[in-house]
N, C-alpha and C. Protein backbone atom coordinates (compact mmCIF):
# COMPACT_ATOMS: atom_id res chain seq x y z
N MET A 1 156.39 30.16 105.70
CA MET A 1 155.35 29.48 106.46
C MET A 1 154.10 29.25 105.61
N VAL A 2 153.64 30.32 104.94
CA VAL A 2 152.45 30.22 104.09
C VAL A 2 152.69 29.25 102.95
N PHE A 3 153.93 29.33 102.39
CA PHE A 3 154.29 28.43 101.29
C PHE A 3 154.22 26.98 101.73
N ASN A 4 154.69 26.69 102.94
CA ASN A 4 154.64 25.32 103.47
C ASN A 4 153.21 24.85 103.66
N VAL A 5 152.33 25.76 104.07
CA VAL A 5 150.92 25.40 104.24
C VAL A 5 150.30 25.04 102.88
N TYR A 6 150.62 25.84 101.85
CA TYR A 6 150.11 25.54 100.52
C TYR A 6 150.60 24.18 100.04
N ILE A 7 151.88 23.90 100.26
CA ILE A 7 152.44 22.61 99.86
C ILE A 7 151.72 21.48 100.59
N LEU A 8 151.47 21.67 101.87
CA LEU A 8 150.77 20.66 102.65
C LEU A 8 149.36 20.43 102.14
N LEU A 9 148.65 21.52 101.82
CA LEU A 9 147.28 21.40 101.32
C LEU A 9 147.24 20.72 99.96
N ILE A 10 148.18 21.09 99.09
CA ILE A 10 148.24 20.46 97.76
C ILE A 10 148.55 18.98 97.89
N SER A 11 149.50 18.63 98.77
CA SER A 11 149.85 17.23 98.98
C SER A 11 148.66 16.45 99.53
N LEU A 12 147.92 17.07 100.45
CA LEU A 12 146.74 16.42 101.01
C LEU A 12 145.68 16.20 99.95
N ALA A 13 145.47 17.23 99.09
CA ALA A 13 144.48 17.11 98.02
C ALA A 13 144.86 16.00 97.04
N ILE A 14 146.14 15.95 96.66
CA ILE A 14 146.60 14.91 95.75
C ILE A 14 146.43 13.53 96.39
N GLY A 15 146.75 13.44 97.68
CA GLY A 15 146.60 12.16 98.38
C GLY A 15 145.15 11.70 98.41
N LEU A 16 144.22 12.64 98.67
CA LEU A 16 142.80 12.30 98.69
C LEU A 16 142.31 11.87 97.32
N ILE A 17 142.78 12.56 96.27
CA ILE A 17 142.39 12.20 94.91
C ILE A 17 142.90 10.81 94.56
N MET A 18 144.14 10.51 94.92
CA MET A 18 144.70 9.19 94.63
C MET A 18 143.95 8.10 95.39
N MET A 19 143.59 8.38 96.64
CA MET A 19 142.81 7.40 97.40
C MET A 19 141.47 7.15 96.74
N ARG A 20 140.85 8.22 96.23
CA ARG A 20 139.57 8.09 95.55
C ARG A 20 139.71 7.29 94.27
N VAL A 21 140.80 7.54 93.51
CA VAL A 21 141.03 6.79 92.28
C VAL A 21 141.20 5.31 92.57
N PHE A 22 141.98 4.98 93.59
CA PHE A 22 142.18 3.57 93.95
C PHE A 22 140.87 2.93 94.42
N TYR A 23 140.06 3.71 95.13
CA TYR A 23 138.74 3.21 95.56
C TYR A 23 137.87 2.87 94.36
N VAL A 24 137.85 3.77 93.37
CA VAL A 24 137.05 3.54 92.17
C VAL A 24 137.57 2.34 91.40
N LEU A 25 138.89 2.23 91.25
CA LEU A 25 139.48 1.10 90.53
C LEU A 25 139.15 -0.22 91.22
N TYR A 26 139.15 -0.21 92.55
CA TYR A 26 138.87 -1.45 93.28
C TYR A 26 137.42 -1.88 93.12
N TRP A 27 136.49 -0.94 93.30
CA TRP A 27 135.08 -1.29 93.29
C TRP A 27 134.47 -1.39 91.90
N SER A 28 135.12 -0.81 90.90
CA SER A 28 134.54 -0.83 89.56
C SER A 28 134.39 -2.24 89.01
N SER A 29 135.35 -3.12 89.32
CA SER A 29 135.30 -4.49 88.79
C SER A 29 134.47 -5.42 89.65
N LYS A 30 133.93 -4.91 90.76
CA LYS A 30 133.12 -5.72 91.65
C LYS A 30 131.65 -5.67 91.25
N PRO A 31 130.87 -6.69 91.58
CA PRO A 31 129.42 -6.62 91.34
C PRO A 31 128.82 -5.49 92.15
N PRO A 32 127.69 -4.92 91.69
CA PRO A 32 127.03 -3.83 92.44
C PRO A 32 126.66 -4.28 93.84
N HIS A 33 126.67 -3.33 94.78
CA HIS A 33 126.31 -3.64 96.15
C HIS A 33 124.86 -4.09 96.25
N THR A 34 124.01 -3.48 95.45
CA THR A 34 122.60 -3.83 95.45
C THR A 34 122.13 -4.02 94.02
N LYS A 35 121.19 -4.90 93.84
CA LYS A 35 120.64 -5.12 92.52
C LYS A 35 119.32 -4.37 92.39
N SER A 36 119.30 -3.42 91.50
CA SER A 36 118.11 -2.61 91.31
C SER A 36 117.05 -3.40 90.55
N ILE A 37 115.80 -3.28 91.00
CA ILE A 37 114.71 -3.93 90.29
C ILE A 37 114.20 -3.02 89.18
N GLN A 38 114.68 -1.80 89.14
CA GLN A 38 114.27 -0.87 88.10
C GLN A 38 115.12 -1.09 86.85
N PRO A 39 114.57 -0.72 85.68
CA PRO A 39 115.37 -0.81 84.45
C PRO A 39 116.62 0.05 84.55
N LEU A 40 117.67 -0.36 83.87
CA LEU A 40 118.94 0.35 83.90
C LEU A 40 119.07 1.22 82.66
N SER A 41 119.22 2.52 82.84
CA SER A 41 119.44 3.40 81.70
C SER A 41 120.80 3.08 81.10
N THR A 42 120.85 2.99 79.78
CA THR A 42 122.01 2.42 79.11
C THR A 42 122.47 3.29 77.96
N LEU A 43 123.77 3.57 77.94
CA LEU A 43 124.41 4.30 76.85
C LEU A 43 125.08 3.29 75.93
N ILE A 44 124.74 3.31 74.65
CA ILE A 44 125.25 2.34 73.68
C ILE A 44 126.05 3.09 72.63
N VAL A 45 127.33 2.75 72.51
CA VAL A 45 128.22 3.44 71.58
C VAL A 45 128.33 2.63 70.29
N LEU A 46 127.99 3.27 69.18
CA LEU A 46 128.01 2.62 67.88
C LEU A 46 129.21 3.10 67.07
N GLY A 47 129.56 2.33 66.05
CA GLY A 47 130.70 2.71 65.23
C GLY A 47 130.65 2.06 63.86
N SER A 48 131.32 2.66 62.92
CA SER A 48 131.34 2.14 61.55
C SER A 48 132.29 0.95 61.46
N GLY A 49 132.34 0.33 60.29
CA GLY A 49 133.26 -0.78 60.07
C GLY A 49 132.83 -2.07 60.71
N GLY A 50 131.53 -2.26 60.92
CA GLY A 50 131.03 -3.51 61.48
C GLY A 50 130.73 -3.45 62.96
N HIS A 51 131.19 -2.39 63.65
CA HIS A 51 130.94 -2.28 65.09
C HIS A 51 129.44 -2.19 65.39
N THR A 52 128.72 -1.43 64.59
CA THR A 52 127.29 -1.26 64.84
C THR A 52 126.54 -2.58 64.65
N ALA A 53 126.87 -3.32 63.59
CA ALA A 53 126.21 -4.60 63.35
C ALA A 53 126.45 -5.56 64.51
N GLU A 54 127.68 -5.60 65.02
CA GLU A 54 127.98 -6.47 66.15
C GLU A 54 127.21 -6.04 67.39
N MET A 55 127.16 -4.73 67.63
CA MET A 55 126.46 -4.24 68.81
C MET A 55 124.97 -4.53 68.75
N LEU A 56 124.36 -4.33 67.60
CA LEU A 56 122.92 -4.59 67.47
C LEU A 56 122.63 -6.08 67.57
N ASN A 57 123.54 -6.93 67.08
CA ASN A 57 123.38 -8.37 67.26
C ASN A 57 123.42 -8.74 68.74
N LEU A 58 124.30 -8.08 69.47
CA LEU A 58 124.39 -8.32 70.91
C LEU A 58 123.13 -7.87 71.62
N LEU A 59 122.62 -6.70 71.25
CA LEU A 59 121.40 -6.19 71.87
C LEU A 59 120.19 -7.08 71.58
N SER A 60 120.20 -7.70 70.41
CA SER A 60 119.04 -8.51 70.01
C SER A 60 118.84 -9.73 70.89
N VAL A 61 119.89 -10.18 71.60
CA VAL A 61 119.74 -11.35 72.48
C VAL A 61 119.68 -10.93 73.95
N MET A 62 119.66 -9.64 74.21
CA MET A 62 119.55 -9.15 75.59
C MET A 62 118.09 -8.86 75.92
N HIS A 63 117.78 -8.86 77.21
CA HIS A 63 116.45 -8.47 77.65
C HIS A 63 116.39 -6.94 77.65
N THR A 64 116.03 -6.39 76.51
CA THR A 64 116.10 -4.94 76.36
C THR A 64 115.16 -4.20 77.29
N ASP A 65 114.11 -4.89 77.80
CA ASP A 65 113.21 -4.22 78.73
C ASP A 65 113.91 -3.89 80.05
N ARG A 66 115.03 -4.55 80.33
CA ARG A 66 115.79 -4.27 81.55
C ARG A 66 116.80 -3.15 81.34
N PHE A 67 117.02 -2.77 80.07
CA PHE A 67 118.00 -1.74 79.75
C PHE A 67 117.31 -0.59 79.04
N THR A 68 116.64 0.21 79.82
CA THR A 68 115.86 1.31 79.26
C THR A 68 115.82 2.46 80.26
N PRO A 69 115.83 3.71 79.80
CA PRO A 69 115.93 4.14 78.39
C PRO A 69 117.30 3.86 77.81
N ARG A 70 117.35 3.80 76.48
CA ARG A 70 118.60 3.54 75.79
C ARG A 70 119.03 4.81 75.03
N PHE A 71 120.30 5.15 75.19
CA PHE A 71 120.87 6.31 74.51
C PHE A 71 121.90 5.79 73.50
N TYR A 72 121.64 5.98 72.24
CA TYR A 72 122.57 5.55 71.19
C TYR A 72 123.44 6.73 70.78
N ILE A 73 124.74 6.51 70.71
CA ILE A 73 125.67 7.57 70.30
C ILE A 73 126.56 7.05 69.19
N ALA A 74 126.73 7.87 68.15
CA ALA A 74 127.63 7.55 67.04
C ALA A 74 128.38 8.82 66.66
N ALA A 75 129.45 8.65 65.92
CA ALA A 75 130.26 9.79 65.49
C ALA A 75 129.50 10.66 64.49
N THR A 76 129.83 11.93 64.46
CA THR A 76 129.14 12.86 63.55
C THR A 76 129.40 12.51 62.08
N THR A 77 130.51 11.84 61.81
CA THR A 77 130.82 11.45 60.43
C THR A 77 130.26 10.09 60.05
N ASP A 78 129.58 9.45 60.99
CA ASP A 78 128.99 8.13 60.75
C ASP A 78 127.51 8.32 60.40
N ASN A 79 127.19 8.18 59.14
CA ASN A 79 125.83 8.47 58.68
C ASN A 79 124.89 7.26 58.73
N MET A 80 125.41 6.08 58.99
CA MET A 80 124.60 4.87 58.89
C MET A 80 124.21 4.27 60.25
N SER A 81 125.06 4.43 61.26
CA SER A 81 124.86 3.70 62.51
C SER A 81 123.55 4.05 63.22
N LEU A 82 123.27 5.34 63.34
CA LEU A 82 122.04 5.73 64.03
C LEU A 82 120.81 5.33 63.24
N GLN A 83 120.93 5.33 61.91
CA GLN A 83 119.82 4.87 61.08
C GLN A 83 119.53 3.39 61.36
N LYS A 84 120.59 2.59 61.48
CA LYS A 84 120.41 1.16 61.80
C LYS A 84 119.84 0.98 63.20
N ALA A 85 120.26 1.84 64.14
CA ALA A 85 119.74 1.76 65.50
C ALA A 85 118.25 2.09 65.53
N ARG A 86 117.84 3.06 64.73
CA ARG A 86 116.42 3.40 64.67
C ARG A 86 115.60 2.24 64.10
N LEU A 87 116.13 1.58 63.08
CA LEU A 87 115.46 0.42 62.52
C LEU A 87 115.35 -0.70 63.55
N PHE A 88 116.41 -0.86 64.34
CA PHE A 88 116.40 -1.87 65.39
C PHE A 88 115.33 -1.57 66.43
N GLU A 89 115.24 -0.30 66.85
CA GLU A 89 114.23 0.09 67.84
C GLU A 89 112.82 -0.06 67.27
N ASN A 90 112.66 0.23 65.98
CA ASN A 90 111.35 0.05 65.35
C ASN A 90 110.95 -1.42 65.34
N SER A 91 111.93 -2.31 65.11
CA SER A 91 111.63 -3.74 65.11
C SER A 91 111.22 -4.21 66.51
N LEU A 92 111.86 -3.63 67.55
CA LEU A 92 111.47 -3.97 68.92
C LEU A 92 110.04 -3.50 69.20
N ALA A 93 109.70 -2.32 68.71
CA ALA A 93 108.35 -1.80 68.90
C ALA A 93 107.32 -2.68 68.21
N ASP A 94 107.66 -3.19 67.02
CA ASP A 94 106.74 -4.08 66.30
C ASP A 94 106.54 -5.40 67.05
N LYS A 95 107.61 -5.90 67.67
CA LYS A 95 107.53 -7.17 68.41
C LYS A 95 106.69 -7.04 69.67
N THR A 96 106.94 -5.97 70.42
CA THR A 96 106.31 -5.82 71.72
C THR A 96 105.00 -5.04 71.67
N GLY A 97 104.79 -4.30 70.59
CA GLY A 97 103.61 -3.46 70.50
C GLY A 97 103.68 -2.24 71.38
N MET A 98 104.88 -1.93 71.87
CA MET A 98 105.06 -0.79 72.76
C MET A 98 106.10 0.16 72.16
N VAL A 99 105.90 1.45 72.39
CA VAL A 99 106.86 2.44 71.93
C VAL A 99 108.11 2.34 72.79
N GLN A 100 109.27 2.20 72.17
CA GLN A 100 110.52 2.04 72.90
C GLN A 100 111.06 3.40 73.34
N ASP A 101 111.68 3.40 74.53
CA ASP A 101 112.25 4.62 75.07
C ASP A 101 113.71 4.68 74.65
N ALA A 102 113.98 5.33 73.53
CA ALA A 102 115.34 5.40 72.99
C ALA A 102 115.60 6.80 72.45
N GLN A 103 116.85 7.25 72.59
CA GLN A 103 117.26 8.53 72.04
C GLN A 103 118.55 8.33 71.25
N PHE A 104 118.76 9.20 70.28
CA PHE A 104 119.87 9.05 69.35
C PHE A 104 120.67 10.36 69.29
N MET A 105 121.99 10.25 69.48
CA MET A 105 122.84 11.44 69.53
C MET A 105 124.13 11.18 68.76
N GLN A 106 124.82 12.27 68.45
CA GLN A 106 126.10 12.18 67.76
C GLN A 106 127.18 12.88 68.57
N ILE A 107 128.42 12.45 68.38
CA ILE A 107 129.55 13.01 69.10
C ILE A 107 130.70 13.20 68.13
N TYR A 108 131.52 14.21 68.38
CA TYR A 108 132.71 14.40 67.55
C TYR A 108 133.61 13.17 67.63
N ARG A 109 134.17 12.82 66.51
CA ARG A 109 135.02 11.63 66.46
C ARG A 109 136.43 11.97 66.96
N SER A 110 136.96 11.12 67.85
CA SER A 110 138.29 11.39 68.40
C SER A 110 139.39 11.12 67.39
N ARG A 111 139.19 10.14 66.51
CA ARG A 111 140.21 9.85 65.51
C ARG A 111 139.57 9.21 64.29
N GLU A 112 139.80 9.81 63.13
CA GLU A 112 139.31 9.24 61.89
C GLU A 112 140.22 8.10 61.45
N VAL A 113 139.69 7.22 60.63
CA VAL A 113 140.49 6.12 60.10
C VAL A 113 141.63 6.70 59.26
N GLY A 114 142.86 6.30 59.58
CA GLY A 114 144.02 6.79 58.85
C GLY A 114 144.59 8.09 59.36
N GLN A 115 143.93 8.72 60.34
CA GLN A 115 144.43 9.98 60.89
C GLN A 115 145.68 9.72 61.71
N SER A 116 146.66 10.61 61.65
CA SER A 116 147.90 10.44 62.40
C SER A 116 147.62 10.56 63.89
N TYR A 117 148.44 9.86 64.69
CA TYR A 117 148.27 9.90 66.13
C TYR A 117 148.55 11.29 66.69
N LEU A 118 149.46 12.03 66.05
CA LEU A 118 149.79 13.37 66.54
C LEU A 118 148.60 14.31 66.44
N THR A 119 147.96 14.34 65.28
CA THR A 119 146.81 15.24 65.10
C THR A 119 145.59 14.75 65.86
N SER A 120 145.56 13.44 66.16
CA SER A 120 144.39 12.91 66.88
C SER A 120 144.35 13.36 68.33
N VAL A 121 145.48 13.87 68.85
CA VAL A 121 145.49 14.39 70.22
C VAL A 121 144.51 15.56 70.35
N GLY A 122 144.58 16.49 69.40
CA GLY A 122 143.68 17.64 69.44
C GLY A 122 142.23 17.25 69.25
N THR A 123 141.95 16.38 68.28
CA THR A 123 140.56 15.97 68.04
C THR A 123 140.01 15.16 69.21
N THR A 124 140.89 14.41 69.90
CA THR A 124 140.44 13.65 71.07
C THR A 124 140.04 14.59 72.20
N LEU A 125 140.80 15.68 72.39
CA LEU A 125 140.46 16.66 73.43
C LEU A 125 139.11 17.31 73.13
N ILE A 126 138.86 17.60 71.84
CA ILE A 126 137.56 18.16 71.45
C ILE A 126 136.45 17.15 71.73
N ALA A 127 136.72 15.88 71.40
CA ALA A 127 135.72 14.82 71.62
C ALA A 127 135.44 14.64 73.11
N ILE A 128 136.47 14.76 73.95
CA ILE A 128 136.26 14.63 75.40
C ILE A 128 135.37 15.77 75.91
N ALA A 129 135.62 17.00 75.42
CA ALA A 129 134.78 18.13 75.82
C ALA A 129 133.34 17.92 75.37
N HIS A 130 133.16 17.40 74.16
CA HIS A 130 131.81 17.13 73.67
C HIS A 130 131.16 16.01 74.48
N ALA A 131 131.95 14.99 74.84
CA ALA A 131 131.42 13.88 75.65
C ALA A 131 130.96 14.39 77.01
N LEU A 132 131.71 15.31 77.58
CA LEU A 132 131.32 15.90 78.87
C LEU A 132 129.98 16.60 78.74
N TRP A 133 129.82 17.37 77.67
CA TRP A 133 128.55 18.09 77.46
C TRP A 133 127.39 17.10 77.29
N LEU A 134 127.62 16.02 76.54
CA LEU A 134 126.57 15.04 76.31
C LEU A 134 126.18 14.32 77.60
N MET A 135 127.18 13.95 78.40
CA MET A 135 126.88 13.23 79.64
C MET A 135 126.10 14.11 80.60
N ILE A 136 126.45 15.39 80.66
CA ILE A 136 125.69 16.32 81.50
C ILE A 136 124.29 16.52 80.95
N LYS A 137 124.17 16.57 79.63
CA LYS A 137 122.87 16.76 78.99
C LYS A 137 121.95 15.59 79.27
N MET A 138 122.49 14.38 79.30
CA MET A 138 121.64 13.21 79.52
C MET A 138 121.19 13.07 80.95
N ARG A 139 121.89 13.66 81.88
CA ARG A 139 121.62 13.42 83.29
C ARG A 139 120.19 13.73 83.74
N PRO A 140 119.59 14.88 83.40
CA PRO A 140 118.26 15.16 83.92
C PRO A 140 117.13 14.39 83.25
N GLN A 141 117.41 13.65 82.19
CA GLN A 141 116.34 13.00 81.46
C GLN A 141 115.78 11.81 82.22
N VAL A 142 116.60 11.12 82.97
CA VAL A 142 116.13 10.05 83.84
C VAL A 142 117.11 9.93 84.99
N VAL A 143 116.61 9.82 86.20
CA VAL A 143 117.47 9.73 87.38
C VAL A 143 117.22 8.40 88.06
N VAL A 144 118.28 7.62 88.23
CA VAL A 144 118.18 6.31 88.84
C VAL A 144 119.22 6.22 89.93
N LEU A 145 118.87 5.63 91.07
CA LEU A 145 119.85 5.42 92.12
C LEU A 145 120.58 4.12 91.83
N CYS A 146 121.86 4.25 91.46
CA CYS A 146 122.64 3.10 91.01
C CYS A 146 123.33 2.41 92.17
N ILE A 147 124.11 3.15 92.93
CA ILE A 147 124.79 2.66 94.11
C ILE A 147 124.54 3.69 95.20
N PRO A 148 124.28 3.30 96.42
CA PRO A 148 123.97 4.26 97.48
C PRO A 148 124.94 5.44 97.47
N ILE A 149 124.39 6.64 97.63
CA ILE A 149 125.01 7.96 97.66
C ILE A 149 125.39 8.48 96.28
N TYR A 150 125.19 7.68 95.21
CA TYR A 150 125.52 8.17 93.88
C TYR A 150 124.24 8.34 93.08
N LEU A 151 124.03 9.54 92.57
CA LEU A 151 122.88 9.82 91.74
C LEU A 151 123.33 9.78 90.29
N CYS A 152 122.70 8.96 89.48
CA CYS A 152 123.22 8.82 88.12
C CYS A 152 122.08 8.72 87.12
N SER A 153 122.37 9.07 85.89
CA SER A 153 121.37 8.96 84.84
C SER A 153 121.67 7.80 83.91
N VAL A 154 122.93 7.56 83.63
CA VAL A 154 123.31 6.44 82.78
C VAL A 154 124.02 5.41 83.65
N GLU A 155 123.42 4.24 83.82
CA GLU A 155 123.99 3.23 84.70
C GLU A 155 124.90 2.27 83.95
N GLN A 156 124.64 2.03 82.68
CA GLN A 156 125.42 1.08 81.92
C GLN A 156 125.93 1.73 80.65
N ILE A 157 127.19 1.47 80.33
CA ILE A 157 127.77 1.93 79.07
C ILE A 157 128.25 0.70 78.32
N LEU A 158 127.71 0.49 77.12
CA LEU A 158 128.09 -0.66 76.30
C LEU A 158 128.86 -0.16 75.09
N CYS A 159 130.05 -0.72 74.85
CA CYS A 159 130.82 -0.34 73.68
C CYS A 159 131.62 -1.54 73.19
N ASN A 160 132.00 -1.51 71.92
CA ASN A 160 132.68 -2.68 71.35
C ASN A 160 133.78 -2.31 70.37
N GLY A 161 134.43 -1.17 70.58
CA GLY A 161 135.62 -0.93 69.77
C GLY A 161 135.78 0.42 69.10
N PRO A 162 134.71 1.11 68.70
CA PRO A 162 134.95 2.36 67.99
C PRO A 162 135.64 3.39 68.87
N GLY A 163 136.53 4.20 68.25
CA GLY A 163 137.24 5.21 69.01
C GLY A 163 136.33 6.20 69.68
N THR A 164 135.09 6.31 69.20
CA THR A 164 134.11 7.22 69.79
C THR A 164 133.87 6.92 71.26
N CYS A 165 134.08 5.66 71.66
CA CYS A 165 133.75 5.28 73.03
C CYS A 165 134.76 5.79 74.05
N VAL A 166 136.00 6.04 73.62
CA VAL A 166 137.06 6.39 74.58
C VAL A 166 136.75 7.69 75.33
N PRO A 167 136.41 8.81 74.66
CA PRO A 167 136.09 10.03 75.42
C PRO A 167 134.93 9.83 76.39
N LEU A 168 133.91 9.08 76.00
CA LEU A 168 132.76 8.84 76.88
C LEU A 168 133.17 8.04 78.10
N CYS A 169 134.03 7.04 77.91
CA CYS A 169 134.50 6.24 79.04
C CYS A 169 135.39 7.05 79.96
N ILE A 170 136.18 7.96 79.39
CA ILE A 170 137.02 8.83 80.21
C ILE A 170 136.16 9.72 81.10
N ILE A 171 135.13 10.32 80.52
CA ILE A 171 134.23 11.18 81.30
C ILE A 171 133.50 10.37 82.37
N ALA A 172 133.05 9.16 82.01
CA ALA A 172 132.38 8.31 82.99
C ALA A 172 133.29 8.00 84.17
N PHE A 173 134.57 7.73 83.87
CA PHE A 173 135.53 7.44 84.93
C PHE A 173 135.77 8.67 85.81
N ILE A 174 135.91 9.84 85.18
CA ILE A 174 136.11 11.07 85.95
C ILE A 174 134.90 11.34 86.84
N PHE A 175 133.69 11.11 86.32
CA PHE A 175 132.49 11.31 87.13
C PHE A 175 132.49 10.38 88.34
N LYS A 176 132.97 9.15 88.17
CA LYS A 176 133.04 8.23 89.30
C LYS A 176 134.03 8.72 90.34
N VAL A 177 135.19 9.17 89.89
CA VAL A 177 136.21 9.66 90.82
C VAL A 177 135.69 10.88 91.59
N MET A 178 134.95 11.75 90.91
CA MET A 178 134.44 12.96 91.53
C MET A 178 133.18 12.71 92.35
N GLY A 179 132.61 11.50 92.26
CA GLY A 179 131.40 11.19 93.01
C GLY A 179 130.15 11.77 92.41
N ILE A 180 130.21 12.16 91.14
CA ILE A 180 129.04 12.75 90.48
C ILE A 180 128.07 11.67 90.04
N ARG A 181 128.61 10.59 89.48
CA ARG A 181 127.76 9.56 88.90
C ARG A 181 128.57 8.27 88.80
N TRP A 182 127.94 7.15 89.11
CA TRP A 182 128.63 5.86 89.03
C TRP A 182 128.01 5.04 87.90
N SER A 183 128.73 4.92 86.81
CA SER A 183 128.25 4.17 85.65
C SER A 183 129.17 2.98 85.42
N SER A 184 128.59 1.83 85.15
CA SER A 184 129.37 0.63 84.85
C SER A 184 129.63 0.57 83.35
N THR A 185 130.91 0.37 82.99
CA THR A 185 131.32 0.35 81.59
C THR A 185 131.64 -1.08 81.17
N PHE A 186 130.95 -1.58 80.15
CA PHE A 186 131.17 -2.92 79.63
C PHE A 186 131.72 -2.80 78.21
N TYR A 187 132.91 -3.32 78.01
CA TYR A 187 133.55 -3.25 76.70
C TYR A 187 133.63 -4.65 76.12
N VAL A 188 132.99 -4.86 74.97
CA VAL A 188 133.02 -6.14 74.28
C VAL A 188 133.91 -5.98 73.06
N GLU A 189 135.08 -6.61 73.08
CA GLU A 189 135.99 -6.49 71.95
C GLU A 189 135.41 -7.16 70.72
N SER A 190 135.65 -6.55 69.57
CA SER A 190 135.12 -7.07 68.32
C SER A 190 135.64 -8.47 68.05
N ILE A 191 134.81 -9.29 67.43
CA ILE A 191 135.21 -10.66 67.09
C ILE A 191 136.34 -10.66 66.05
N ALA A 192 136.51 -9.54 65.35
CA ALA A 192 137.60 -9.44 64.37
C ALA A 192 138.97 -9.34 65.04
N ARG A 193 138.98 -9.03 66.33
CA ARG A 193 140.24 -8.92 67.06
C ARG A 193 140.61 -10.29 67.63
N VAL A 194 141.54 -10.95 66.96
CA VAL A 194 141.91 -12.32 67.31
C VAL A 194 143.21 -12.37 68.11
N ARG A 195 144.21 -11.57 67.72
CA ARG A 195 145.53 -11.65 68.33
C ARG A 195 145.83 -10.53 69.32
N ARG A 196 145.24 -9.37 69.11
CA ARG A 196 145.50 -8.24 70.02
C ARG A 196 144.26 -7.35 70.10
N LEU A 197 144.19 -6.60 71.19
CA LEU A 197 143.07 -5.69 71.38
C LEU A 197 143.15 -4.54 70.39
N SER A 198 141.99 -3.97 70.08
CA SER A 198 141.97 -2.74 69.29
C SER A 198 142.59 -1.62 70.10
N LEU A 199 142.88 -0.50 69.45
CA LEU A 199 143.46 0.64 70.17
C LEU A 199 142.54 1.11 71.28
N SER A 200 141.24 1.17 71.00
CA SER A 200 140.27 1.58 72.03
C SER A 200 140.29 0.62 73.20
N GLY A 201 140.24 -0.69 72.89
CA GLY A 201 140.27 -1.69 73.94
C GLY A 201 141.54 -1.65 74.75
N LEU A 202 142.67 -1.43 74.09
CA LEU A 202 143.96 -1.38 74.78
C LEU A 202 144.03 -0.18 75.72
N ILE A 203 143.53 0.97 75.27
CA ILE A 203 143.53 2.17 76.11
C ILE A 203 142.69 1.93 77.37
N LEU A 204 141.48 1.40 77.19
CA LEU A 204 140.60 1.18 78.33
C LEU A 204 141.15 0.09 79.25
N TYR A 205 141.82 -0.91 78.67
CA TYR A 205 142.40 -1.99 79.47
C TYR A 205 143.58 -1.48 80.30
N LYS A 206 144.50 -0.76 79.66
CA LYS A 206 145.69 -0.29 80.35
C LYS A 206 145.36 0.74 81.42
N LEU A 207 144.37 1.59 81.16
CA LEU A 207 144.00 2.64 82.10
C LEU A 207 142.94 2.18 83.11
N HIS A 208 142.50 0.93 83.02
CA HIS A 208 141.50 0.36 83.94
C HIS A 208 140.19 1.15 83.90
N MET A 209 139.81 1.66 82.74
CA MET A 209 138.60 2.47 82.65
C MET A 209 137.37 1.66 82.27
N ALA A 210 137.56 0.43 81.85
CA ALA A 210 136.41 -0.45 81.59
C ALA A 210 136.22 -1.33 82.81
N ASP A 211 135.01 -1.33 83.36
CA ASP A 211 134.74 -2.17 84.53
C ASP A 211 134.88 -3.65 84.18
N HIS A 212 134.39 -3.99 83.01
CA HIS A 212 134.50 -5.38 82.54
C HIS A 212 134.82 -5.35 81.05
N LEU A 213 135.87 -6.06 80.67
CA LEU A 213 136.28 -6.13 79.26
C LEU A 213 136.17 -7.58 78.80
N PHE A 214 135.38 -7.80 77.77
CA PHE A 214 135.11 -9.15 77.29
C PHE A 214 135.78 -9.37 75.94
N VAL A 215 136.37 -10.56 75.77
CA VAL A 215 136.99 -10.93 74.50
C VAL A 215 136.35 -12.22 74.01
N GLN A 216 136.42 -12.41 72.69
CA GLN A 216 135.74 -13.55 72.08
C GLN A 216 136.70 -14.65 71.60
N TRP A 217 137.99 -14.48 71.91
CA TRP A 217 138.99 -15.48 71.53
C TRP A 217 139.83 -15.81 72.76
N PRO A 218 140.07 -17.11 73.03
CA PRO A 218 140.81 -17.50 74.25
C PRO A 218 142.23 -16.97 74.29
N GLN A 219 142.90 -16.84 73.13
CA GLN A 219 144.28 -16.35 73.14
C GLN A 219 144.36 -14.89 73.57
N LEU A 220 143.28 -14.14 73.35
CA LEU A 220 143.25 -12.75 73.81
C LEU A 220 143.19 -12.70 75.34
N GLN A 221 142.41 -13.60 75.93
CA GLN A 221 142.31 -13.62 77.38
C GLN A 221 143.64 -14.03 78.01
N ARG A 222 144.36 -14.92 77.35
CA ARG A 222 145.68 -15.31 77.87
C ARG A 222 146.67 -14.15 77.79
N LYS A 223 146.53 -13.34 76.75
CA LYS A 223 147.44 -12.21 76.58
C LYS A 223 147.06 -11.05 77.49
N TYR A 224 145.76 -10.91 77.76
CA TYR A 224 145.28 -9.83 78.63
C TYR A 224 144.46 -10.48 79.75
N PRO A 225 145.12 -10.90 80.83
CA PRO A 225 144.48 -11.74 81.85
C PRO A 225 143.31 -11.10 82.59
N ARG A 226 143.20 -9.77 82.61
CA ARG A 226 142.06 -9.14 83.27
C ARG A 226 140.80 -9.15 82.42
N ALA A 227 140.95 -9.55 81.16
CA ALA A 227 139.78 -9.65 80.28
C ALA A 227 139.01 -10.94 80.60
N HIS A 228 137.74 -10.94 80.22
CA HIS A 228 136.88 -12.11 80.42
C HIS A 228 136.61 -12.77 79.07
N TYR A 229 136.94 -14.04 78.96
CA TYR A 229 136.66 -14.76 77.72
C TYR A 229 135.22 -15.29 77.77
N VAL A 230 134.43 -14.94 76.75
CA VAL A 230 133.02 -15.33 76.73
C VAL A 230 132.65 -16.12 75.49
N GLY A 231 133.62 -16.42 74.64
CA GLY A 231 133.31 -17.12 73.40
C GLY A 231 132.68 -16.19 72.37
N CYS A 232 132.21 -16.78 71.31
CA CYS A 232 131.64 -15.99 70.22
C CYS A 232 130.26 -15.46 70.60
N LEU A 233 130.08 -14.16 70.56
CA LEU A 233 128.81 -13.53 70.91
C LEU A 233 128.04 -13.07 69.69
N MET A 234 128.72 -12.90 68.58
CA MET A 234 128.07 -12.25 67.42
C MET A 234 127.59 -13.29 66.41
């Protein structure tokens, strides 16, 4: 009898979790219920191999005053990306005459270039744990009401291909499922990806963890119909 009750409770819990996952998947791709007039706190994931240059080019044409504070994250083995981000923020300060609200952090890399997929499983788990710690750490620094009943600190996540973004997007998705925080994830595939998505983009696309995935080549949108073709952005 007790065993049957446990089975029933476990089945009920699994059913509720699955309903919550489907709810998140359905609403994640929809426009926000309300449009906040306050600036949106934004997490920006940088990466080596041209990803940072593309991301900073994208930021340069955005209304950065609407996306503040900005949290820049790069891999611990990436020595150049955060330096470039600091130069970018300094240029914004020179233009506007105002001190920019930006912070710079590093995260363990889930997979190094050339690393085997087998060994990357362990490093990805470490990166996910580090991403969890970082997301919790960022929460009290600014609190914004993103969607009714959800209290969140980072409302927007921008990424464009580096493997560093995958653990952060996983944690953001888990937070949404758990009702801790609702963050919108925007993935802009690199312009270098002409025929197929990068591994990061493919993971986020297949697992539905990116709210909106943008590609810069029409053949990519035909191959991945849930992606949005936006033309050349960089």
